[in-house]
Amino acid sequence: MLAHGAVLRKNFFNADELIAIVKDFHNAGLSDEEVAIMEFAQKISTEAKEVSEEDMGKLRSYGLSDEEILDVV
């Protein structure tokens, strides 16, 4: 997590934005696509056996390729 956080901090978000994302990514000013990615990642980490084609279809609707979805996984 530290390595991922460092990359996000260096390239995308300031410290306050990262704190807001960690506290509640739904209300942290992220785009709808970013929220969908975060929801998918959360489901993968907490309910992996429940992930469905519908979950991946939602990401595809934002233009993510199967390779990009695999990167999220």
N, C-alpha and C. Protein backbone atom coordinates (compact mmCIF):
# COMPACT_ATOMS: atom_id res chain seq x y z
N MET A 1 0.83 -1.19 0.00
CA MET A 1 0.00 0.00 0.00
C MET A 1 0.87 1.25 0.00
N LEU A 2 1.96 1.19 0.72
CA LEU A 2 2.83 2.36 0.79
C LEU A 2 3.38 2.72 -0.58
N ALA A 3 3.81 1.71 -1.33
CA ALA A 3 4.35 1.97 -2.66
C ALA A 3 3.28 2.56 -3.58
N HIS A 4 2.07 2.01 -3.53
CA HIS A 4 0.99 2.54 -4.37
C HIS A 4 0.65 3.96 -3.96
N GLY A 5 0.59 4.21 -2.66
CA GLY A 5 0.31 5.55 -2.17
C GLY A 5 1.36 6.54 -2.60
N ALA A 6 2.61 6.12 -2.58
CA ALA A 6 3.70 7.01 -3.00
C ALA A 6 3.58 7.37 -4.47
N VAL A 7 3.22 6.41 -5.30
CA VAL A 7 3.05 6.68 -6.73
C VAL A 7 1.87 7.62 -6.95
N LEU A 8 0.77 7.37 -6.25
CA LEU A 8 -0.39 8.26 -6.37
C LEU A 8 -0.05 9.67 -5.93
N ARG A 9 0.68 9.78 -4.85
CA ARG A 9 1.06 11.10 -4.31
C ARG A 9 2.00 11.82 -5.27
N LYS A 10 2.93 11.10 -5.83
CA LYS A 10 3.92 11.71 -6.72
C LYS A 10 3.29 12.15 -8.04
N ASN A 11 2.36 11.35 -8.57
CA ASN A 11 1.88 11.58 -9.93
C ASN A 11 0.46 12.12 -10.07
N PHE A 12 -0.38 11.98 -9.03
CA PHE A 12 -1.78 12.28 -9.27
C PHE A 12 -2.47 13.14 -8.22
N PHE A 13 -2.22 12.90 -6.95
CA PHE A 13 -2.98 13.54 -5.89
C PHE A 13 -2.07 14.18 -4.86
N ASN A 14 -2.57 15.24 -4.21
CA ASN A 14 -1.82 15.79 -3.09
C ASN A 14 -2.22 15.03 -1.82
N ALA A 15 -1.55 15.31 -0.73
CA ALA A 15 -1.77 14.57 0.51
C ALA A 15 -3.21 14.67 1.00
N ASP A 16 -3.81 15.86 0.93
CA ASP A 16 -5.19 16.04 1.39
C ASP A 16 -6.17 15.23 0.54
N GLU A 17 -5.93 15.19 -0.76
CA GLU A 17 -6.80 14.41 -1.64
C GLU A 17 -6.70 12.92 -1.32
N LEU A 18 -5.49 12.44 -1.07
CA LEU A 18 -5.31 11.03 -0.73
C LEU A 18 -6.01 10.67 0.58
N ILE A 19 -5.93 11.55 1.55
CA ILE A 19 -6.61 11.32 2.83
C ILE A 19 -8.11 11.24 2.61
N ALA A 20 -8.65 12.14 1.79
CA ALA A 20 -10.09 12.13 1.49
C ALA A 20 -10.49 10.84 0.80
N ILE A 21 -9.65 10.36 -0.11
CA ILE A 21 -9.93 9.11 -0.82
C ILE A 21 -9.96 7.94 0.14
N VAL A 22 -9.00 7.89 1.03
CA VAL A 22 -8.93 6.79 2.00
C VAL A 22 -10.14 6.83 2.93
N LYS A 23 -10.54 8.02 3.36
CA LYS A 23 -11.67 8.13 4.28
C LYS A 23 -12.99 7.76 3.62
N ASP A 24 -13.22 8.23 2.39
CA ASP A 24 -14.49 7.95 1.70
C ASP A 24 -14.33 8.30 0.23
N PHE A 25 -13.92 7.31 -0.56
CA PHE A 25 -13.64 7.59 -1.96
C PHE A 25 -14.90 8.00 -2.74
N HIS A 26 -16.08 7.67 -2.22
CA HIS A 26 -17.32 8.07 -2.90
C HIS A 26 -17.52 9.59 -2.86
N ASN A 27 -16.97 10.23 -1.86
CA ASN A 27 -17.16 11.68 -1.68
C ASN A 27 -15.84 12.43 -1.65
N ALA A 28 -14.89 11.97 -2.45
CA ALA A 28 -13.56 12.58 -2.44
C ALA A 28 -13.27 13.38 -3.72
N GLY A 29 -14.30 13.63 -4.50
CA GLY A 29 -14.10 14.41 -5.71
C GLY A 29 -13.56 13.62 -6.89
N LEU A 30 -13.64 12.30 -6.82
CA LEU A 30 -13.18 11.47 -7.92
C LEU A 30 -14.22 11.46 -9.03
N SER A 31 -13.78 11.14 -10.24
CA SER A 31 -14.71 11.00 -11.35
C SER A 31 -15.55 9.74 -11.15
N ASP A 32 -16.64 9.64 -11.89
CA ASP A 32 -17.48 8.44 -11.82
C ASP A 32 -16.67 7.19 -12.18
N GLU A 33 -15.79 7.31 -13.17
CA GLU A 33 -14.94 6.18 -13.56
C GLU A 33 -14.01 5.78 -12.43
N GLU A 34 -13.39 6.75 -11.78
CA GLU A 34 -12.47 6.44 -10.67
C GLU A 34 -13.22 5.79 -9.51
N VAL A 35 -14.42 6.24 -9.23
CA VAL A 35 -15.22 5.63 -8.16
C VAL A 35 -15.55 4.19 -8.53
N ALA A 36 -15.92 3.96 -9.79
CA ALA A 36 -16.23 2.59 -10.24
C ALA A 36 -15.00 1.69 -10.09
N ILE A 37 -13.84 2.20 -10.42
CA ILE A 37 -12.60 1.42 -10.28
C ILE A 37 -12.35 1.12 -8.80
N MET A 38 -12.55 2.10 -7.95
CA MET A 38 -12.35 1.89 -6.52
C MET A 38 -13.34 0.88 -5.97
N GLU A 39 -14.60 0.95 -6.40
CA GLU A 39 -15.61 -0.02 -5.94
C GLU A 39 -15.22 -1.43 -6.38
N PHE A 40 -14.76 -1.56 -7.61
CA PHE A 40 -14.35 -2.86 -8.12
C PHE A 40 -13.16 -3.39 -7.32
N ALA A 41 -12.17 -2.55 -7.09
CA ALA A 41 -10.99 -2.97 -6.33
C ALA A 41 -11.37 -3.38 -4.92
N GLN A 42 -12.29 -2.64 -4.32
CA GLN A 42 -12.74 -2.98 -2.97
C GLN A 42 -13.46 -4.34 -2.98
N LYS A 43 -14.29 -4.57 -3.98
CA LYS A 43 -15.01 -5.84 -4.07
C LYS A 43 -14.03 -7.00 -4.28
N ILE A 44 -13.02 -6.79 -5.13
CA ILE A 44 -12.00 -7.81 -5.35
C ILE A 44 -11.31 -8.17 -4.04
N SER A 45 -11.04 -7.17 -3.22
CA SER A 45 -10.28 -7.43 -2.00
C SER A 45 -11.13 -7.96 -0.84
N THR A 46 -12.44 -7.74 -0.90
CA THR A 46 -13.28 -8.17 0.23
C THR A 46 -14.29 -9.26 -0.12
N GLU A 47 -14.66 -9.35 -1.40
CA GLU A 47 -15.68 -10.31 -1.82
C GLU A 47 -15.33 -10.91 -3.17
N ALA A 48 -14.12 -11.37 -3.34
CA ALA A 48 -13.63 -11.81 -4.65
C ALA A 48 -14.55 -12.85 -5.30
N LYS A 49 -15.08 -13.75 -4.50
CA LYS A 49 -15.92 -14.81 -5.07
C LYS A 49 -17.25 -14.28 -5.59
N GLU A 50 -17.59 -13.05 -5.25
CA GLU A 50 -18.85 -12.44 -5.68
C GLU A 50 -18.69 -11.58 -6.93
N VAL A 51 -17.48 -11.39 -7.42
CA VAL A 51 -17.25 -10.57 -8.61
C VAL A 51 -17.88 -11.25 -9.81
N SER A 52 -18.61 -10.46 -10.59
CA SER A 52 -19.34 -11.03 -11.73
C SER A 52 -18.96 -10.34 -13.03
N GLU A 53 -19.45 -10.90 -14.10
CA GLU A 53 -19.26 -10.28 -15.42
C GLU A 53 -19.90 -8.89 -15.43
N GLU A 54 -20.98 -8.72 -14.70
CA GLU A 54 -21.63 -7.41 -14.60
C GLU A 54 -20.69 -6.37 -14.00
N ASP A 55 -19.92 -6.76 -12.99
CA ASP A 55 -18.96 -5.83 -12.39
C ASP A 55 -17.92 -5.38 -13.42
N MET A 56 -17.44 -6.33 -14.21
CA MET A 56 -16.45 -5.98 -15.23
C MET A 56 -17.09 -5.20 -16.37
N GLY A 57 -18.37 -5.50 -16.65
CA GLY A 57 -19.09 -4.76 -17.67
C GLY A 57 -19.23 -3.29 -17.32
N LYS A 58 -19.40 -3.01 -16.03
CA LYS A 58 -19.48 -1.61 -15.60
C LYS A 58 -18.19 -0.88 -15.92
N LEU A 59 -17.05 -1.53 -15.68
CA LEU A 59 -15.77 -0.89 -16.00
C LEU A 59 -15.60 -0.75 -17.51
N ARG A 60 -16.03 -1.74 -18.24
CA ARG A 60 -15.95 -1.65 -19.71
C ARG A 60 -16.79 -0.49 -20.23
N SER A 61 -17.90 -0.19 -19.55
CA SER A 61 -18.76 0.91 -19.99
C SER A 61 -18.04 2.26 -19.88
N TYR A 62 -17.01 2.32 -19.07
CA TYR A 62 -16.18 3.52 -18.96
C TYR A 62 -15.00 3.48 -19.93
N GLY A 63 -14.94 2.44 -20.74
CA GLY A 63 -13.89 2.35 -21.74
C GLY A 63 -12.66 1.56 -21.31
N LEU A 64 -12.70 0.92 -20.14
CA LEU A 64 -11.56 0.13 -19.71
C LEU A 64 -11.48 -1.16 -20.51
N SER A 65 -10.29 -1.50 -20.91
CA SER A 65 -10.07 -2.76 -21.63
C SER A 65 -9.94 -3.89 -20.61
N ASP A 66 -9.99 -5.12 -21.10
CA ASP A 66 -9.80 -6.26 -20.21
C ASP A 66 -8.42 -6.20 -19.55
N GLU A 67 -7.42 -5.73 -20.28
CA GLU A 67 -6.07 -5.61 -19.71
C GLU A 67 -6.04 -4.60 -18.58
N GLU A 68 -6.77 -3.48 -18.75
CA GLU A 68 -6.81 -2.48 -17.69
C GLU A 68 -7.59 -2.99 -16.47
N ILE A 69 -8.63 -3.76 -16.71
CA ILE A 69 -9.37 -4.36 -15.60
C ILE A 69 -8.48 -5.34 -14.85
N LEU A 70 -7.71 -6.10 -15.58
CA LEU A 70 -6.75 -7.03 -14.94
C LEU A 70 -5.74 -6.25 -14.10
N ASP A 71 -5.31 -5.09 -14.57
CA ASP A 71 -4.39 -4.26 -13.79
C ASP A 71 -5.01 -3.86 -12.46
N VAL A 72 -6.32 -3.57 -12.46
CA VAL A 72 -7.02 -3.22 -11.22
C VAL A 72 -7.00 -4.42 -10.29
N VAL A 73 -7.27 -5.60 -10.85
CA VAL A 73 -7.28 -6.82 -10.04
C VAL A 73 -5.91 -7.02 -9.44
